[in-house]
């Protein structure tokens, strides 16, 4: 999913998507160990998607944080 599409989601939706992606990543890693993974690039793509979502959440928390 593209960053501009992710920015349209709420924080709760992003957290839900992160959890889903992490579960999917665990499944991909399990398939890799078993030798059943046909497209190994999906692991790195999933990791990048998770990082992208976490970055958006971090950006939002930094912009809403009040200066001291």
C-alpha atoms as a PDB file:
ATOM      1  CA  UNK A   1       0.000   0.000   0.000  1.00  0.00           C
ATOM      2  CA  UNK A   2       1.266   3.453  -0.833  1.00  0.00           C
ATOM      3  CA  UNK A   3       2.087   6.028   1.829  1.00  0.00           C
ATOM      4  CA  UNK A   4      -0.573   8.501   0.667  1.00  0.00           C
ATOM      5  CA  UNK A   5      -3.202   5.758   0.985  1.00  0.00           C
ATOM      6  CA  UNK A   6      -1.978   4.870   4.471  1.00  0.00           C
ATOM      7  CA  UNK A   7      -2.117   8.498   5.590  1.00  0.00           C
ATOM      8  CA  UNK A   8      -5.874   8.481   4.967  1.00  0.00           C
ATOM      9  CA  UNK A   9      -6.382   5.758   7.585  1.00  0.00           C
ATOM     10  CA  UNK A  10      -6.991   6.511  11.247  1.00  0.00           C
ATOM     11  CA  UNK A  11      -4.516   5.558  13.966  1.00  0.00           C
ATOM     12  CA  UNK A  12      -6.676   2.622  15.057  1.00  0.00           C
ATOM     13  CA  UNK A  13      -6.886   1.325  11.497  1.00  0.00           C
ATOM     14  CA  UNK A  14      -3.119   1.659  11.096  1.00  0.00           C
ATOM     15  CA  UNK A  15      -2.503  -0.279  14.303  1.00  0.00           C
ATOM     16  CA  UNK A  16      -4.858  -3.003  13.083  1.00  0.00           C
ATOM     17  CA  UNK A  17      -3.084  -3.161   9.719  1.00  0.00           C
ATOM     18  CA  UNK A  18       0.321  -3.352  11.434  1.00  0.00           C
ATOM     19  CA  UNK A  19      -0.859  -6.303  13.511  1.00  0.00           C
ATOM     20  CA  UNK A  20      -2.189  -8.037  10.396  1.00  0.00           C
ATOM     21  CA  UNK A  21       1.046  -7.431   8.492  1.00  0.00           C
ATOM     22  CA  UNK A  22       3.139  -8.727  11.380  1.00  0.00           C
ATOM     23  CA  UNK A  23       1.041 -11.901  11.447  1.00  0.00           C
ATOM     24  CA  UNK A  24       1.455 -12.246   7.701  1.00  0.00           C
ATOM     25  CA  UNK A  25       5.200 -11.718   8.032  1.00  0.00           C
ATOM     26  CA  UNK A  26       5.397 -14.489  10.617  1.00  0.00           C
ATOM     27  CA  UNK A  27       3.545 -16.787   8.212  1.00  0.00           C
ATOM     28  CA  UNK A  28       5.930 -15.875   5.391  1.00  0.00           C
ATOM     29  CA  UNK A  29       8.933 -16.625   7.572  1.00  0.00           C
ATOM     30  CA  UNK A  30       7.408 -19.963   8.538  1.00  0.00           C
ATOM     31  CA  UNK A  31       6.827 -20.810   4.873  1.00  0.00           C
ATOM     32  CA  UNK A  32      10.437 -19.876   4.112  1.00  0.00           C
ATOM     33  CA  UNK A  33      11.735 -22.276   6.762  1.00  0.00           C
ATOM     34  CA  UNK A  34       9.559 -25.059   5.366  1.00  0.00           C
ATOM     35  CA  UNK A  35      10.706 -24.318   1.821  1.00  0.00           C
ATOM     36  CA  UNK A  36       7.199 -23.478   0.624  1.00  0.00           C
ATOM     37  CA  UNK A  37       7.747 -19.775  -0.080  1.00  0.00           C
ATOM     38  CA  UNK A  38       7.519 -19.101  -3.806  1.00  0.00           C
ATOM     39  CA  UNK A  39       8.164 -15.358  -3.736  1.00  0.00           C
ATOM     40  CA  UNK A  40      10.880 -14.498  -1.190  1.00  0.00           C
ATOM     41  CA  UNK A  41      10.678 -10.775  -1.977  1.00  0.00           C
ATOM     42  CA  UNK A  42       7.327 -10.694  -0.166  1.00  0.00           C
ATOM     43  CA  UNK A  43       9.189 -10.848   3.159  1.00  0.00           C
ATOM     44  CA  UNK A  44      11.087  -7.630   2.505  1.00  0.00           C
ATOM     45  CA  UNK A  45       7.957  -5.992   1.088  1.00  0.00           C
ATOM     46  CA  UNK A  46       6.012  -6.859   4.245  1.00  0.00           C
ATOM     47  CA  UNK A  47       8.804  -5.489   6.450  1.00  0.00           C
ATOM     48  CA  UNK A  48       8.831  -2.241   4.476  1.00  0.00           C
ATOM     49  CA  UNK A  49       5.041  -1.915   4.700  1.00  0.00           C
ATOM     50  CA  UNK A  50       5.185  -2.360   8.482  1.00  0.00           C
ATOM     51  CA  UNK A  51       7.954   0.233   8.755  1.00  0.00           C
ATOM     52  CA  UNK A  52       6.001   2.648   6.549  1.00  0.00           C
ATOM     53  CA  UNK A  53       2.922   2.366   8.773  1.00  0.00           C
ATOM     54  CA  UNK A  54       4.969   2.770  11.947  1.00  0.00           C
ATOM     55  CA  UNK A  55       6.639   5.861  10.472  1.00  0.00           C
ATOM     56  CA  UNK A  56       3.275   7.447   9.733  1.00  0.00           C
ATOM     57  CA  UNK A  57       2.106   6.778  13.299  1.00  0.00           C
ATOM     58  CA  UNK A  58       5.348   8.288  14.628  1.00  0.00           C
ATOM     59  CA  UNK A  59       4.943  11.378  12.441  1.00  0.00           C
ATOM     60  CA  UNK A  60       1.442  11.884  13.784  1.00  0.00           C
ATOM     61  CA  UNK A  61       2.562  11.533  17.378  1.00  0.00           C
ATOM     62  CA  UNK A  62       5.358  14.041  16.832  1.00  0.00           C
ATOM     63  CA  UNK A  63       3.083  16.641  15.240  1.00  0.00           C
ATOM     64  CA  UNK A  64       0.465  16.368  17.970  1.00  0.00           C
ATOM     65  CA  UNK A  65       3.074  16.546  20.735  1.00  0.00           C
ATOM     66  CA  UNK A  66       3.147  19.956  22.399  1.00  0.00           C
ATOM     67  CA  UNK A  67       6.467  21.763  22.856  1.00  0.00           C
ATOM     68  CA  UNK A  68       7.582  22.225  26.451  1.00  0.00           C
END
